[in-house]
Amino acid sequence: MEYEEVKEKMRFDDERLKRMFMEGIDKLAKRMKRVKTKLAVMSGKGGVGKSTVASLLAVHYGKKGFKTGIMDCDFWGSSIPKMFGVESKRPIVREDGIEPVYTDKWGIAIMSIQFFLPSPESPLAWRGPMVSGVIRDMLSKTEWGEIDYLIFDLPPGTGDVPLTILQEVRPNGVVLVATPQELTTTIVEKSLKLAQELETAIVGLVENMSYFECPQCGHREYLFGKGRVGEIASKYRIEFFVELPIDPALTKLCDSGKIELYEIDPFEFFPI
């Protein structure tokens, strides 16, 4: 479904609302045409480390010299600015658009609702449709420029925001994130099937918190069980599958806003 098809399928009782929506779709399409590759990072369940994976994917491209951006769509649990140490920065708002915040080391462009809240602790008491509308507006106004990769960090589940991105932005692919527990692996299939229904390719599956490796002897302990997420990768023929360990070093870098300094690249063999 392309942008014109999205507009044709929408139905409005109010002509003014319809006109505003159509104008927003046109602006969004214009911005997105300047993005070479769009990737959405999804999970069926919260707390699986989806934002960490999205950040590591952006760092992967940044290290390789690609112009990279992250759209933080997880309005209710925004953590991207904190991980990159840019939570105190503010986007520059101009008449022709909004300039995103850039990270210090790799110059990754970041846009997040967190930049516009009074404080990091301020709650966002918005319902899904309002958040989707704001995301659409932010995307249509953010001046990403000519960019190689734009990564969308989506909130968990299969609600309004994932639908908005998958239907209207039309990403080139989805990277799914899960943890080894059976409950989580069951729920991640919901996101997988949503992407399939909307004809969006599943380009990667990440099992986060897969194991803990002893720093002394190198023994791997699979604390939450082993093999469940790998079985999903095999079942749906997902070519890129990677296990991410529980790594205190990564946790420390995320907490201190220095994820760009993480030396391990779990996406070294990512095909896109």
C-alpha atoms as a PDB file:
ATOM      1  CA  MET A   1       0.000   0.000   0.000  1.00  0.00           C
ATOM      2  CA  GLU A   2       1.530   3.306  -1.136  1.00  0.00           C
ATOM      3  CA  TYR A   3       0.720   6.795   0.165  1.00  0.00           C
ATOM      4  CA  GLU A   4      -2.023   7.380  -2.423  1.00  0.00           C
ATOM      5  CA  GLU A   5      -3.660   4.085  -1.482  1.00  0.00           C
ATOM      6  CA  VAL A   6      -3.631   5.102   2.193  1.00  0.00           C
ATOM      7  CA  LYS A   7      -5.511   8.274   1.338  1.00  0.00           C
ATOM      8  CA  GLU A   8      -8.053   6.433  -0.797  1.00  0.00           C
ATOM      9  CA  LYS A   9      -8.873   3.956   1.967  1.00  0.00           C
ATOM     10  CA  MET A  10      -9.529   6.612   4.628  1.00  0.00           C
ATOM     11  CA  ARG A  11     -13.122   7.771   5.239  1.00  0.00           C
ATOM     12  CA  PHE A  12     -14.052  11.083   6.904  1.00  0.00           C
ATOM     13  CA  ASP A  13     -17.352  12.695   7.838  1.00  0.00           C
ATOM     14  CA  ASP A  14     -15.732  16.098   8.336  1.00  0.00           C
ATOM     15  CA  GLU A  15     -14.250  17.683   5.188  1.00  0.00           C
ATOM     16  CA  ARG A  16     -11.892  19.926   7.161  1.00  0.00           C
ATOM     17  CA  LEU A  17     -10.476  16.937   9.034  1.00  0.00           C
ATOM     18  CA  LYS A  18     -10.153  15.047   5.772  1.00  0.00           C
ATOM     19  CA  ARG A  19      -8.246  17.942   4.150  1.00  0.00           C
ATOM     20  CA  MET A  20      -5.864  18.221   7.103  1.00  0.00           C
ATOM     21  CA  PHE A  21      -5.195  14.474   7.055  1.00  0.00           C
ATOM     22  CA  MET A  22      -4.539  14.422   3.320  1.00  0.00           C
ATOM     23  CA  GLU A  23      -2.147  17.353   3.582  1.00  0.00           C
ATOM     24  CA  GLY A  24      -0.325  15.557   6.386  1.00  0.00           C
ATOM     25  CA  ILE A  25       0.024  12.388   4.309  1.00  0.00           C
ATOM     26  CA  ASP A  26       1.410  14.399   1.385  1.00  0.00           C
ATOM     27  CA  LYS A  27       3.999  16.114   3.588  1.00  0.00           C
ATOM     28  CA  LEU A  28       4.937  12.797   5.174  1.00  0.00           C
ATOM     29  CA  ALA A  29       5.398  11.180   1.772  1.00  0.00           C
ATOM     30  CA  LYS A  30       7.593  14.062   0.635  1.00  0.00           C
ATOM     31  CA  ARG A  31       9.875  13.719   3.675  1.00  0.00           C
ATOM     32  CA  MET A  32      10.058   9.939   3.471  1.00  0.00           C
ATOM     33  CA  LYS A  33      11.082  10.000  -0.195  1.00  0.00           C
ATOM     34  CA  ARG A  34      14.432  11.400   0.939  1.00  0.00           C
ATOM     35  CA  VAL A  35      15.058   8.366   3.166  1.00  0.00           C
ATOM     36  CA  LYS A  36      16.765   5.485   1.375  1.00  0.00           C
ATOM     37  CA  THR A  37      15.930   2.717   3.871  1.00  0.00           C
ATOM     38  CA  LYS A  38      13.329   2.700   6.636  1.00  0.00           C
ATOM     39  CA  LEU A  39      13.418   0.019   9.346  1.00  0.00           C
ATOM     40  CA  ALA A  40      10.921  -0.515  12.168  1.00  0.00           C
ATOM     41  CA  VAL A  41      11.953  -2.203  15.418  1.00  0.00           C
ATOM     42  CA  MET A  42       8.981  -3.962  17.020  1.00  0.00           C
ATOM     43  CA  SER A  43       8.119  -6.236  19.904  1.00  0.00           C
ATOM     44  CA  GLY A  44       4.904  -7.844  20.992  1.00  0.00           C
ATOM     45  CA  LYS A  45       5.670  -7.158  24.635  1.00  0.00           C
ATOM     46  CA  GLY A  46       7.283  -4.374  26.648  1.00  0.00           C
ATOM     47  CA  GLY A  47      10.489  -4.693  28.636  1.00  0.00           C
ATOM     48  CA  VAL A  48      12.362  -6.819  26.110  1.00  0.00           C
ATOM     49  CA  GLY A  49      15.020  -4.217  25.268  1.00  0.00           C
ATOM     50  CA  LYS A  50      13.537  -3.006  21.998  1.00  0.00           C
ATOM     51  CA  SER A  51      14.912   0.532  22.343  1.00  0.00           C
ATOM     52  CA  THR A  52      18.365  -0.869  23.112  1.00  0.00           C
ATOM     53  CA  VAL A  53      18.235  -2.957  19.948  1.00  0.00           C
ATOM     54  CA  ALA A  54      17.051   0.033  17.892  1.00  0.00           C
ATOM     55  CA  SER A  55      19.928   2.085  19.286  1.00  0.00           C
ATOM     56  CA  LEU A  56      22.502  -0.629  18.561  1.00  0.00           C
ATOM     57  CA  LEU A  57      21.210  -0.870  14.992  1.00  0.00           C
ATOM     58  CA  ALA A  58      21.628   2.895  14.565  1.00  0.00           C
ATOM     59  CA  VAL A  59      25.151   2.738  16.032  1.00  0.00           C
ATOM     60  CA  HIS A  60      25.942  -0.088  13.584  1.00  0.00           C
ATOM     61  CA  TYR A  61      25.107   2.160  10.634  1.00  0.00           C
ATOM     62  CA  GLY A  62      26.737   5.221  12.207  1.00  0.00           C
ATOM     63  CA  LYS A  63      30.047   3.394  12.611  1.00  0.00           C
ATOM     64  CA  LYS A  64      29.957   2.498   8.925  1.00  0.00           C
ATOM     65  CA  GLY A  65      29.621   6.141   7.957  1.00  0.00           C
ATOM     66  CA  PHE A  66      25.970   6.081   6.920  1.00  0.00           C
ATOM     67  CA  LYS A  67      23.701   9.027   7.618  1.00  0.00           C
ATOM     68  CA  THR A  68      21.356   7.566  10.200  1.00  0.00           C
ATOM     69  CA  GLY A  69      18.343   8.698  12.193  1.00  0.00           C
ATOM     70  CA  ILE A  70      16.036   7.357  14.895  1.00  0.00           C
ATOM     71  CA  MET A  71      12.382   8.283  15.237  1.00  0.00           C
ATOM     72  CA  ASP A  72      11.413   7.533  18.830  1.00  0.00           C
ATOM     73  CA  CYS A  73       7.777   6.443  18.478  1.00  0.00           C
ATOM     74  CA  ASP A  74       7.526   4.961  21.976  1.00  0.00           C
ATOM     75  CA  PHE A  75       5.920   8.081  23.452  1.00  0.00           C
ATOM     76  CA  TRP A  76       4.849   6.381  26.688  1.00  0.00           C
ATOM     77  CA  GLY A  77       8.261   4.864  27.421  1.00  0.00           C
ATOM     78  CA  SER A  78      10.776   7.058  25.661  1.00  0.00           C
ATOM     79  CA  SER A  79      14.381   6.084  26.421  1.00  0.00           C
ATOM     80  CA  ILE A  80      16.321   6.837  23.218  1.00  0.00           C
ATOM     81  CA  PRO A  81      17.480  10.355  24.255  1.00  0.00           C
ATOM     82  CA  LYS A  82      18.774   8.990  27.575  1.00  0.00           C
ATOM     83  CA  MET A  83      20.747   6.175  25.955  1.00  0.00           C
ATOM     84  CA  PHE A  84      22.536   8.606  23.641  1.00  0.00           C
ATOM     85  CA  GLY A  85      23.085  11.255  26.308  1.00  0.00           C
ATOM     86  CA  VAL A  86      21.125  13.943  24.445  1.00  0.00           C
ATOM     87  CA  GLU A  87      18.126  14.315  26.780  1.00  0.00           C
ATOM     88  CA  SER A  88      19.145  17.883  27.681  1.00  0.00           C
ATOM     89  CA  LYS A  89      19.311  19.009  24.035  1.00  0.00           C
ATOM     90  CA  ARG A  90      16.417  20.529  22.115  1.00  0.00           C
ATOM     91  CA  PRO A  91      15.445  20.375  18.418  1.00  0.00           C
ATOM     92  CA  ILE A  92      15.617  23.625  16.483  1.00  0.00           C
ATOM     93  CA  VAL A  93      12.145  24.658  15.324  1.00  0.00           C
ATOM     94  CA  ARG A  94      11.967  26.725  12.138  1.00  0.00           C
ATOM     95  CA  GLU A  95       9.137  27.831   9.863  1.00  0.00           C
ATOM     96  CA  ASP A  96      10.035  25.208   7.250  1.00  0.00           C
ATOM     97  CA  GLY A  97      10.523  22.333   9.678  1.00  0.00           C
ATOM     98  CA  ILE A  98      12.233  20.948  12.756  1.00  0.00           C
ATOM     99  CA  GLU A  99      15.932  20.113  12.907  1.00  0.00           C
ATOM    100  CA  PRO A 100      16.493  16.931  14.939  1.00  0.00           C
ATOM    101  CA  VAL A 101      19.030  16.511  17.725  1.00  0.00           C
ATOM    102  CA  TYR A 102      22.353  14.933  16.736  1.00  0.00           C
ATOM    103  CA  THR A 103      24.484  12.593  18.824  1.00  0.00           C
ATOM    104  CA  ASP A 104      28.070  13.501  19.660  1.00  0.00           C
ATOM    105  CA  LYS A 105      30.072  10.570  18.285  1.00  0.00           C
ATOM    106  CA  TRP A 106      28.389   9.325  15.116  1.00  0.00           C
ATOM    107  CA  GLY A 107      26.058  12.233  14.390  1.00  0.00           C
ATOM    108  CA  ILE A 108      22.896  10.126  14.545  1.00  0.00           C
ATOM    109  CA  ALA A 109      19.773  12.280  14.099  1.00  0.00           C
ATOM    110  CA  ILE A 110      17.179  11.756  16.833  1.00  0.00           C
ATOM    111  CA  MET A 111      13.614  12.963  17.136  1.00  0.00           C
ATOM    112  CA  SER A 112      11.586  12.215  20.259  1.00  0.00           C
ATOM    113  CA  ILE A 113       8.604  13.643  22.110  1.00  0.00           C
ATOM    114  CA  GLN A 114      10.871  13.587  25.172  1.00  0.00           C
ATOM    115  CA  PHE A 115      12.610  16.734  23.896  1.00  0.00           C
ATOM    116  CA  PHE A 116       9.358  18.695  24.196  1.00  0.00           C
ATOM    117  CA  LEU A 117       8.262  17.608  27.685  1.00  0.00           C
ATOM    118  CA  PRO A 118       8.854  19.821  30.750  1.00  0.00           C
ATOM    119  CA  SER A 119      11.036  17.171  32.414  1.00  0.00           C
ATOM    120  CA  PRO A 120      12.158  13.554  31.866  1.00  0.00           C
ATOM    121  CA  GLU A 121       9.670  12.456  34.525  1.00  0.00           C
ATOM    122  CA  SER A 122       6.659  14.182  32.945  1.00  0.00           C
ATOM    123  CA  PRO A 123       3.965  11.609  32.070  1.00  0.00           C
ATOM    124  CA  LEU A 124       2.310  11.602  28.674  1.00  0.00           C
ATOM    125  CA  ALA A 125      -1.389  11.008  29.280  1.00  0.00           C
ATOM    126  CA  TRP A 126      -2.405  10.730  25.630  1.00  0.00           C
ATOM    127  CA  ARG A 127      -4.546   8.126  23.942  1.00  0.00           C
ATOM    128  CA  GLY A 128      -3.307   6.160  20.940  1.00  0.00           C
ATOM    129  CA  PRO A 129      -5.008   8.163  18.152  1.00  0.00           C
ATOM    130  CA  MET A 130      -3.569  11.433  19.471  1.00  0.00           C
ATOM    131  CA  VAL A 131      -0.072   9.940  19.662  1.00  0.00           C
ATOM    132  CA  SER A 132      -0.393   8.625  16.104  1.00  0.00           C
ATOM    133  CA  GLY A 133      -1.415  12.072  14.910  1.00  0.00           C
ATOM    134  CA  VAL A 134       1.530  13.746  16.640  1.00  0.00           C
ATOM    135  CA  ILE A 135       3.951  11.157  15.243  1.00  0.00           C
ATOM    136  CA  ARG A 136       2.595  11.777  11.752  1.00  0.00           C
ATOM    137  CA  ASP A 137       2.987  15.526  12.281  1.00  0.00           C
ATOM    138  CA  MET A 138       6.526  15.219  13.664  1.00  0.00           C
ATOM    139  CA  LEU A 139       7.609  13.004  10.789  1.00  0.00           C
ATOM    140  CA  SER A 140       6.198  15.385   8.205  1.00  0.00           C
ATOM    141  CA  LYS A 141       7.975  18.362   9.784  1.00  0.00           C
ATOM    142  CA  THR A 142      11.331  16.881  10.813  1.00  0.00           C
ATOM    143  CA  GLU A 143      14.113  17.824   8.407  1.00  0.00           C
ATOM    144  CA  TRP A 144      16.021  14.550   8.201  1.00  0.00           C
ATOM    145  CA  GLY A 145      17.700  15.597   4.976  1.00  0.00           C
ATOM    146  CA  GLU A 146      19.059  13.014   2.551  1.00  0.00           C
ATOM    147  CA  ILE A 147      19.458  10.099   4.932  1.00  0.00           C
ATOM    148  CA  ASP A 148      20.562   6.497   4.391  1.00  0.00           C
ATOM    149  CA  TYR A 149      18.749   4.792   7.264  1.00  0.00           C
ATOM    150  CA  LEU A 150      15.831   5.878   9.419  1.00  0.00           C
ATOM    151  CA  ILE A 151      14.971   3.562  12.312  1.00  0.00           C
ATOM    152  CA  PHE A 152      11.568   3.644  13.993  1.00  0.00           C
ATOM    153  CA  ASP A 153      11.544   2.558  17.634  1.00  0.00           C
ATOM    154  CA  LEU A 154       7.912   1.473  18.061  1.00  0.00           C
ATOM    155  CA  PRO A 155       5.977   0.970  21.294  1.00  0.00           C
ATOM    156  CA  PRO A 156       5.161  -2.647  22.188  1.00  0.00           C
ATOM    157  CA  GLY A 157       2.074  -4.327  20.829  1.00  0.00           C
ATOM    158  CA  THR A 158       0.046  -4.028  17.643  1.00  0.00           C
ATOM    159  CA  GLY A 159      -1.979  -0.881  18.347  1.00  0.00           C
ATOM    160  CA  ASP A 160      -2.370   2.567  16.817  1.00  0.00           C
ATOM    161  CA  VAL A 161       1.278   3.581  16.549  1.00  0.00           C
ATOM    162  CA  PRO A 162       2.653   0.400  14.909  1.00  0.00           C
ATOM    163  CA  LEU A 163      -0.302   0.499  12.509  1.00  0.00           C
ATOM    164  CA  THR A 164       0.396   4.142  11.629  1.00  0.00           C
ATOM    165  CA  ILE A 165       4.049   3.436  10.836  1.00  0.00           C
ATOM    166  CA  LEU A 166       3.490   0.184   8.951  1.00  0.00           C
ATOM    167  CA  GLN A 167       0.563   1.527   6.920  1.00  0.00           C
ATOM    168  CA  GLU A 168       1.631   5.097   6.232  1.00  0.00           C
ATOM    169  CA  VAL A 169       5.439   5.116   6.367  1.00  0.00           C
ATOM    170  CA  ARG A 170       5.762   1.706   4.689  1.00  0.00           C
ATOM    171  CA  PRO A 171       9.148   0.636   6.139  1.00  0.00           C
ATOM    172  CA  ASN A 172      11.434  -1.544   4.039  1.00  0.00           C
ATOM    173  CA  GLY A 173      11.523  -4.100   6.820  1.00  0.00           C
ATOM    174  CA  VAL A 174      10.837  -4.963  10.448  1.00  0.00           C
ATOM    175  CA  VAL A 175      13.294  -6.153  13.094  1.00  0.00           C
ATOM    176  CA  LEU A 176      11.519  -8.083  15.852  1.00  0.00           C
ATOM    177  CA  VAL A 177      12.798  -8.260  19.427  1.00  0.00           C
ATOM    178  CA  ALA A 178      11.961 -10.955  21.967  1.00  0.00           C
ATOM    179  CA  THR A 179      13.349 -12.553  25.113  1.00  0.00           C
ATOM    180  CA  PRO A 180      13.647 -16.316  25.707  1.00  0.00           C
ATOM    181  CA  GLN A 181      10.572 -16.762  27.931  1.00  0.00           C
ATOM    182  CA  GLU A 182       7.785 -18.776  26.315  1.00  0.00           C
ATOM    183  CA  LEU A 183       5.182 -16.072  27.010  1.00  0.00           C
ATOM    184  CA  THR A 184       7.252 -13.437  25.213  1.00  0.00           C
ATOM    185  CA  THR A 185       7.955 -15.626  22.206  1.00  0.00           C
ATOM    186  CA  THR A 186       4.237 -16.331  21.855  1.00  0.00           C
ATOM    187  CA  ILE A 187       3.369 -12.645  21.898  1.00  0.00           C
ATOM    188  CA  VAL A 188       6.112 -11.665  19.430  1.00  0.00           C
ATOM    189  CA  GLU A 189       4.332 -13.750  16.816  1.00  0.00           C
ATOM    190  CA  LYS A 190       1.441 -11.280  16.998  1.00  0.00           C
ATOM    191  CA  SER A 191       3.751  -8.491  15.782  1.00  0.00           C
ATOM    192  CA  LEU A 192       5.178 -10.830  13.172  1.00  0.00           C
ATOM    193  CA  LYS A 193       1.743 -11.687  11.810  1.00  0.00           C
ATOM    194  CA  LEU A 194       0.720  -8.009  11.776  1.00  0.00           C
ATOM    195  CA  ALA A 195       3.744  -7.190   9.627  1.00  0.00           C
ATOM    196  CA  GLN A 196       2.894 -10.085   7.321  1.00  0.00           C
ATOM    197  CA  GLU A 197      -0.717  -8.948   6.978  1.00  0.00           C
ATOM    198  CA  LEU A 198       0.506  -5.482   5.991  1.00  0.00           C
ATOM    199  CA  GLU A 199       3.010  -6.993   3.546  1.00  0.00           C
ATOM    200  CA  THR A 200       6.084  -5.742   5.413  1.00  0.00           C
ATOM    201  CA  ALA A 201       9.180  -7.938   5.294  1.00  0.00           C
ATOM    202  CA  ILE A 202      10.609  -9.398   8.520  1.00  0.00           C
ATOM    203  CA  VAL A 203      14.318  -8.765   8.039  1.00  0.00           C
ATOM    204  CA  GLY A 204      15.622  -9.751  11.473  1.00  0.00           C
ATOM    205  CA  LEU A 205      14.815 -11.387  14.788  1.00  0.00           C
ATOM    206  CA  VAL A 206      16.769 -10.547  17.938  1.00  0.00           C
ATOM    207  CA  GLU A 207      16.668 -12.601  21.124  1.00  0.00           C
ATOM    208  CA  ASN A 208      17.679 -10.155  23.835  1.00  0.00           C
ATOM    209  CA  MET A 209      18.906 -11.208  27.290  1.00  0.00           C
ATOM    210  CA  SER A 210      19.536 -14.600  25.763  1.00  0.00           C
ATOM    211  CA  TYR A 211      22.282 -15.752  28.128  1.00  0.00           C
ATOM    212  CA  PHE A 212      24.918 -14.634  30.604  1.00  0.00           C
ATOM    213  CA  GLU A 213      28.547 -15.365  29.834  1.00  0.00           C
ATOM    214  CA  CYS A 214      30.918 -15.800  32.766  1.00  0.00           C
ATOM    215  CA  PRO A 215      33.752 -13.235  32.410  1.00  0.00           C
ATOM    216  CA  GLN A 216      36.166 -15.680  34.047  1.00  0.00           C
ATOM    217  CA  CYS A 217      35.638 -18.971  32.215  1.00  0.00           C
ATOM    218  CA  GLY A 218      33.397 -18.005  29.281  1.00  0.00           C
ATOM    219  CA  HIS A 219      30.628 -20.449  30.232  1.00  0.00           C
ATOM    220  CA  ARG A 220      27.227 -19.443  28.876  1.00  0.00           C
ATOM    221  CA  GLU A 221      24.237 -19.841  31.155  1.00  0.00           C
ATOM    222  CA  TYR A 222      20.836 -19.596  29.457  1.00  0.00           C
ATOM    223  CA  LEU A 223      18.938 -18.223  32.440  1.00  0.00           C
ATOM    224  CA  PHE A 224      15.510 -18.087  30.783  1.00  0.00           C
ATOM    225  CA  GLY A 225      15.736 -21.206  28.638  1.00  0.00           C
ATOM    226  CA  LYS A 226      17.175 -21.782  25.196  1.00  0.00           C
ATOM    227  CA  GLY A 227      16.025 -22.171  21.631  1.00  0.00           C
ATOM    228  CA  ARG A 228      12.488 -20.760  21.623  1.00  0.00           C
ATOM    229  CA  VAL A 229      13.170 -17.616  19.592  1.00  0.00           C
ATOM    230  CA  GLY A 230      15.461 -19.537  17.259  1.00  0.00           C
ATOM    231  CA  GLU A 231      12.551 -21.863  16.541  1.00  0.00           C
ATOM    232  CA  ILE A 232      10.450 -18.867  15.458  1.00  0.00           C
ATOM    233  CA  ALA A 233      13.243 -17.742  13.119  1.00  0.00           C
ATOM    234  CA  SER A 234      13.290 -21.213  11.557  1.00  0.00           C
ATOM    235  CA  LYS A 235       9.496 -21.485  11.397  1.00  0.00           C
ATOM    236  CA  TYR A 236       9.112 -18.213   9.497  1.00  0.00           C
ATOM    237  CA  ARG A 237      12.399 -18.495   7.592  1.00  0.00           C
ATOM    238  CA  ILE A 238      13.873 -15.310   9.027  1.00  0.00           C
ATOM    239  CA  GLU A 239      17.430 -15.264   7.742  1.00  0.00           C
ATOM    240  CA  PHE A 240      18.987 -12.888  10.293  1.00  0.00           C
ATOM    241  CA  PHE A 241      18.756 -14.159  13.855  1.00  0.00           C
ATOM    242  CA  VAL A 242      21.055 -13.109  16.682  1.00  0.00           C
ATOM    243  CA  GLU A 243      21.279 -13.765  20.415  1.00  0.00           C
ATOM    244  CA  LEU A 244      22.237 -10.800  22.615  1.00  0.00           C
ATOM    245  CA  PRO A 245      23.675 -11.638  26.040  1.00  0.00           C
ATOM    246  CA  ILE A 246      23.008  -9.980  29.359  1.00  0.00           C
ATOM    247  CA  ASP A 247      25.938  -7.575  29.326  1.00  0.00           C
ATOM    248  CA  PRO A 248      26.542  -5.316  32.352  1.00  0.00           C
ATOM    249  CA  ALA A 249      28.892  -3.189  30.224  1.00  0.00           C
ATOM    250  CA  LEU A 250      26.070  -2.368  27.803  1.00  0.00           C
ATOM    251  CA  THR A 251      23.699  -1.608  30.667  1.00  0.00           C
ATOM    252  CA  LYS A 252      26.213   0.806  32.165  1.00  0.00           C
ATOM    253  CA  LEU A 253      26.738   2.607  28.842  1.00  0.00           C
ATOM    254  CA  CYS A 254      22.962   2.946  28.304  1.00  0.00           C
ATOM    255  CA  ASP A 255      22.472   4.341  31.799  1.00  0.00           C
ATOM    256  CA  SER A 256      25.267   6.872  31.313  1.00  0.00           C
ATOM    257  CA  GLY A 257      24.136   7.959  27.836  1.00  0.00           C
ATOM    258  CA  LYS A 258      27.146   6.472  26.054  1.00  0.00           C
ATOM    259  CA  ILE A 259      25.727   3.618  24.002  1.00  0.00           C
ATOM    260  CA  GLU A 260      27.751   4.841  21.012  1.00  0.00           C
ATOM    261  CA  LEU A 261      30.884   3.625  22.810  1.00  0.00           C
ATOM    262  CA  TYR A 262      29.727  -0.011  22.919  1.00  0.00           C
ATOM    263  CA  GLU A 263      32.396  -1.961  21.054  1.00  0.00           C
ATOM    264  CA  ILE A 264      30.422  -5.110  20.185  1.00  0.00           C
ATOM    265  CA  ASP A 265      28.347  -4.922  16.990  1.00  0.00           C
ATOM    266  CA  PRO A 266      25.543  -7.527  17.057  1.00  0.00           C
ATOM    267  CA  PHE A 267      24.484  -6.389  13.576  1.00  0.00           C
ATOM    268  CA  GLU A 268      27.859  -7.051  11.969  1.00  0.00           C
ATOM    269  CA  PHE A 269      26.292  -9.530   9.527  1.00  0.00           C
ATOM    270  CA  PHE A 270      22.937  -7.793   9.139  1.00  0.00           C
ATOM    271  CA  PRO A 271      22.099  -8.027   5.399  1.00  0.00           C
ATOM    272  CA  ILE A 272      20.523  -4.581   4.957  1.00  0.00           C
END
